[in-house]
Amino acid sequence: MKNARANAFTIVEVMVASGVLVFGIISAITTSQRGLQALDTARNLTAASQIMQSEMERVRLLGWAQLQALQDSGNTAVTLVPGADAGRFSCTREITNVKADMKQITLTASWRGYDGRDHTARLITRYGKSGLNDYFYTTH
C-alpha cells in the first residue's frame, strides 16, 4: 500500500500540470490566430497591389491630354474588375500636378482585414510628359 502512494500524483501536482496544459493550449491558439492574421494581411496586400498595378497599367496607356481630362473630371473612383476581391476592396485615384510637365498619380486600396481593422496600401507614381517615371509603394 505504501508503494502505491509513492507512485501516485498529489492534488497539487495534478493542478500544476493542468495549469501548464491550459497555458500551452492558450499559447497555441494565440500563435495560430497571429499566424492567420499574418497570412490574411499578406494575401490582402497581394490582392491590393494587383488591383493597383492593373489600374496603373490602364492609366499608363493614356496620353497627356487624356490624363489631364481625367484629372479635370475629378473622378477618383477606380472601377474594379468583377471577381472575388471586388467586394472586399475599394480603390481611389488622385492625380495632382507636381510641376508643369509632371503629374503624380496616387492609387489607394482599402480593405477590412481578418483582425477587423481597416488597412490601406498606396501606389504613388510620377508621370511626365515624356512617360512614366517613379514607383513608390506604401502600406498602413
Protein backbone atom coordinates (compact mmCIF):
# COMPACT_ATOMS: atom_id res chain seq x y z
CA MET A 1 0.00 0.00 0.00
CA LYS A 2 2.87 2.30 0.77
CA ASN A 3 4.34 1.81 -2.76
CA ALA A 4 1.02 2.72 -4.41
CA ARG A 5 1.01 6.09 -2.66
CA ALA A 6 4.61 6.79 -3.59
CA ASN A 7 3.82 6.32 -7.30
CA ALA A 8 0.61 8.42 -7.28
CA PHE A 9 0.43 12.14 -8.06
CA THR A 10 -0.66 14.58 -5.41
CA ILE A 11 -3.52 17.01 -5.96
CA VAL A 12 -1.03 19.90 -6.14
CA GLU A 13 0.98 18.15 -8.86
CA VAL A 14 -2.19 17.48 -10.89
CA MET A 15 -3.29 21.13 -10.52
CA VAL A 16 0.11 22.43 -11.62
CA ALA A 17 0.14 20.05 -14.60
CA SER A 18 -3.37 21.11 -15.66
CA GLY A 19 -2.38 24.78 -15.38
CA VAL A 20 0.65 24.18 -17.61
CA LEU A 21 -1.56 22.33 -20.10
CA VAL A 22 -4.13 25.15 -20.20
CA PHE A 23 -1.35 27.72 -20.67
CA GLY A 24 0.08 25.66 -23.55
CA ILE A 25 -3.30 25.40 -25.27
CA ILE A 26 -3.97 29.14 -24.93
CA SER A 27 -0.48 29.95 -26.28
CA ALA A 28 -1.02 27.63 -29.25
CA ILE A 29 -4.38 29.24 -30.07
CA THR A 30 -2.94 32.76 -29.79
CA THR A 31 0.01 31.87 -32.02
CA SER A 32 -2.34 30.28 -34.54
CA GLN A 33 -4.52 33.41 -34.63
CA ARG A 34 -1.48 35.64 -35.20
CA GLY A 35 -0.36 33.34 -38.00
CA LEU A 36 -3.80 33.53 -39.63
CA GLN A 37 -3.73 37.32 -39.34
CA ALA A 38 -0.30 37.45 -40.99
CA LEU A 39 -1.49 35.18 -43.81
CA ASP A 40 -4.61 37.29 -44.31
CA THR A 41 -2.58 40.51 -44.39
CA ALA A 42 -0.14 39.05 -46.91
CA ARG A 43 -2.98 37.77 -49.10
CA ASN A 44 -4.78 41.12 -48.97
CA LEU A 45 -1.61 43.10 -49.71
CA THR A 46 -1.02 40.91 -52.75
CA ALA A 47 -4.59 41.38 -53.97
CA ALA A 48 -4.46 45.15 -53.33
CA SER A 49 -1.18 45.52 -55.21
CA GLN A 50 -2.61 43.57 -58.14
CA ILE A 51 -5.65 45.87 -58.24
CA MET A 52 -3.44 48.97 -58.17
CA GLN A 53 -0.98 47.62 -60.74
CA SER A 54 -3.86 46.82 -63.08
CA GLU A 55 -5.18 50.38 -62.78
CA MET A 56 -1.69 51.83 -63.16
CA GLU A 57 -1.20 49.87 -66.39
CA ARG A 58 -4.51 51.26 -67.68
CA VAL A 59 -3.53 54.84 -66.76
CA ARG A 60 -0.06 54.41 -68.30
CA LEU A 61 -1.71 53.89 -71.69
CA LEU A 62 -3.37 57.31 -71.52
CA GLY A 63 -1.80 60.23 -73.30
CA TRP A 64 -1.02 63.51 -71.54
CA ALA A 65 -4.28 65.14 -72.73
CA GLN A 66 -6.33 62.12 -71.60
CA LEU A 67 -4.62 62.14 -68.22
CA GLN A 68 -5.36 65.87 -67.87
CA ALA A 69 -9.01 65.26 -68.80
CA LEU A 70 -9.23 62.51 -66.17
CA GLN A 71 -7.73 64.85 -63.59
CA ASP A 72 -10.10 67.67 -64.57
CA SER A 73 -13.14 65.39 -64.32
CA GLY A 74 -12.47 64.89 -60.60
CA ASN A 75 -13.30 61.20 -60.99
CA THR A 76 -11.39 59.42 -58.24
CA ALA A 77 -13.16 56.04 -58.14
CA VAL A 78 -11.35 53.11 -59.68
CA THR A 79 -13.65 50.54 -61.23
CA LEU A 80 -12.63 47.11 -60.00
CA VAL A 81 -12.84 44.08 -62.25
CA PRO A 82 -15.73 41.92 -61.02
CA GLY A 83 -14.47 38.96 -59.02
CA ALA A 84 -13.88 37.64 -55.55
CA ASP A 85 -11.80 40.66 -54.48
CA ALA A 86 -14.08 43.36 -55.91
CA GLY A 87 -16.44 43.21 -52.94
CA ARG A 88 -13.74 43.38 -50.29
CA PHE A 89 -11.63 46.21 -51.71
CA SER A 90 -12.14 49.80 -52.71
CA CYS A 91 -9.63 51.78 -54.73
CA THR A 92 -9.33 55.50 -55.38
CA ARG A 93 -7.12 57.52 -57.68
CA GLU A 94 -5.79 61.04 -57.15
CA ILE A 95 -3.96 62.95 -59.87
CA THR A 96 -2.07 66.10 -58.91
CA ASN A 97 0.36 68.41 -60.68
CA VAL A 98 3.90 68.20 -59.35
CA LYS A 99 5.16 70.72 -61.89
CA ALA A 100 4.12 71.90 -65.36
CA ASP A 101 5.30 68.78 -67.18
CA MET A 102 4.81 66.19 -64.39
CA LYS A 103 1.80 64.68 -62.64
CA GLN A 104 1.63 62.47 -59.59
CA ILE A 105 -0.85 59.60 -59.61
CA THR A 106 -1.73 58.15 -56.20
CA LEU A 107 -3.75 54.94 -56.01
CA THR A 108 -5.10 53.91 -52.61
CA ALA A 109 -6.61 50.47 -51.99
CA SER A 110 -8.56 49.89 -48.76
CA TRP A 111 -9.99 46.82 -47.08
CA ARG A 112 -11.01 45.44 -43.70
CA GLY A 113 -8.65 42.73 -42.51
CA TYR A 114 -9.16 39.48 -40.64
CA ASP A 115 -8.26 41.36 -37.48
CA GLY A 116 -11.23 43.73 -38.01
CA ARG A 117 -9.02 46.78 -38.63
CA ASP A 118 -9.08 48.95 -41.73
CA HIS A 119 -5.97 48.65 -43.91
CA THR A 120 -4.70 50.72 -46.84
CA ALA A 121 -1.97 50.37 -49.41
CA ARG A 122 -0.79 53.19 -51.68
CA LEU A 123 0.98 53.20 -55.01
CA ILE A 124 2.41 56.58 -55.99
CA THR A 125 3.72 57.22 -59.48
CA ARG A 126 5.17 60.25 -61.18
CA TYR A 127 4.15 60.67 -64.81
CA GLY A 128 5.98 63.16 -67.00
CA LYS A 129 5.07 64.30 -70.49
CA SER A 130 7.88 62.06 -71.66
CA GLY A 131 6.40 59.00 -69.85
CA LEU A 132 6.23 57.14 -66.56
CA ASN A 133 8.98 57.90 -64.06
CA ASP A 134 8.95 56.50 -60.49
CA TYR A 135 7.02 53.99 -58.37
CA PHE A 136 6.55 54.31 -54.61
CA TYR A 137 4.56 51.75 -52.60
CA THR A 138 3.44 52.17 -49.00
CA THR A 139 1.07 50.30 -46.68
CA HIS A 140 -0.72 51.21 -43.43
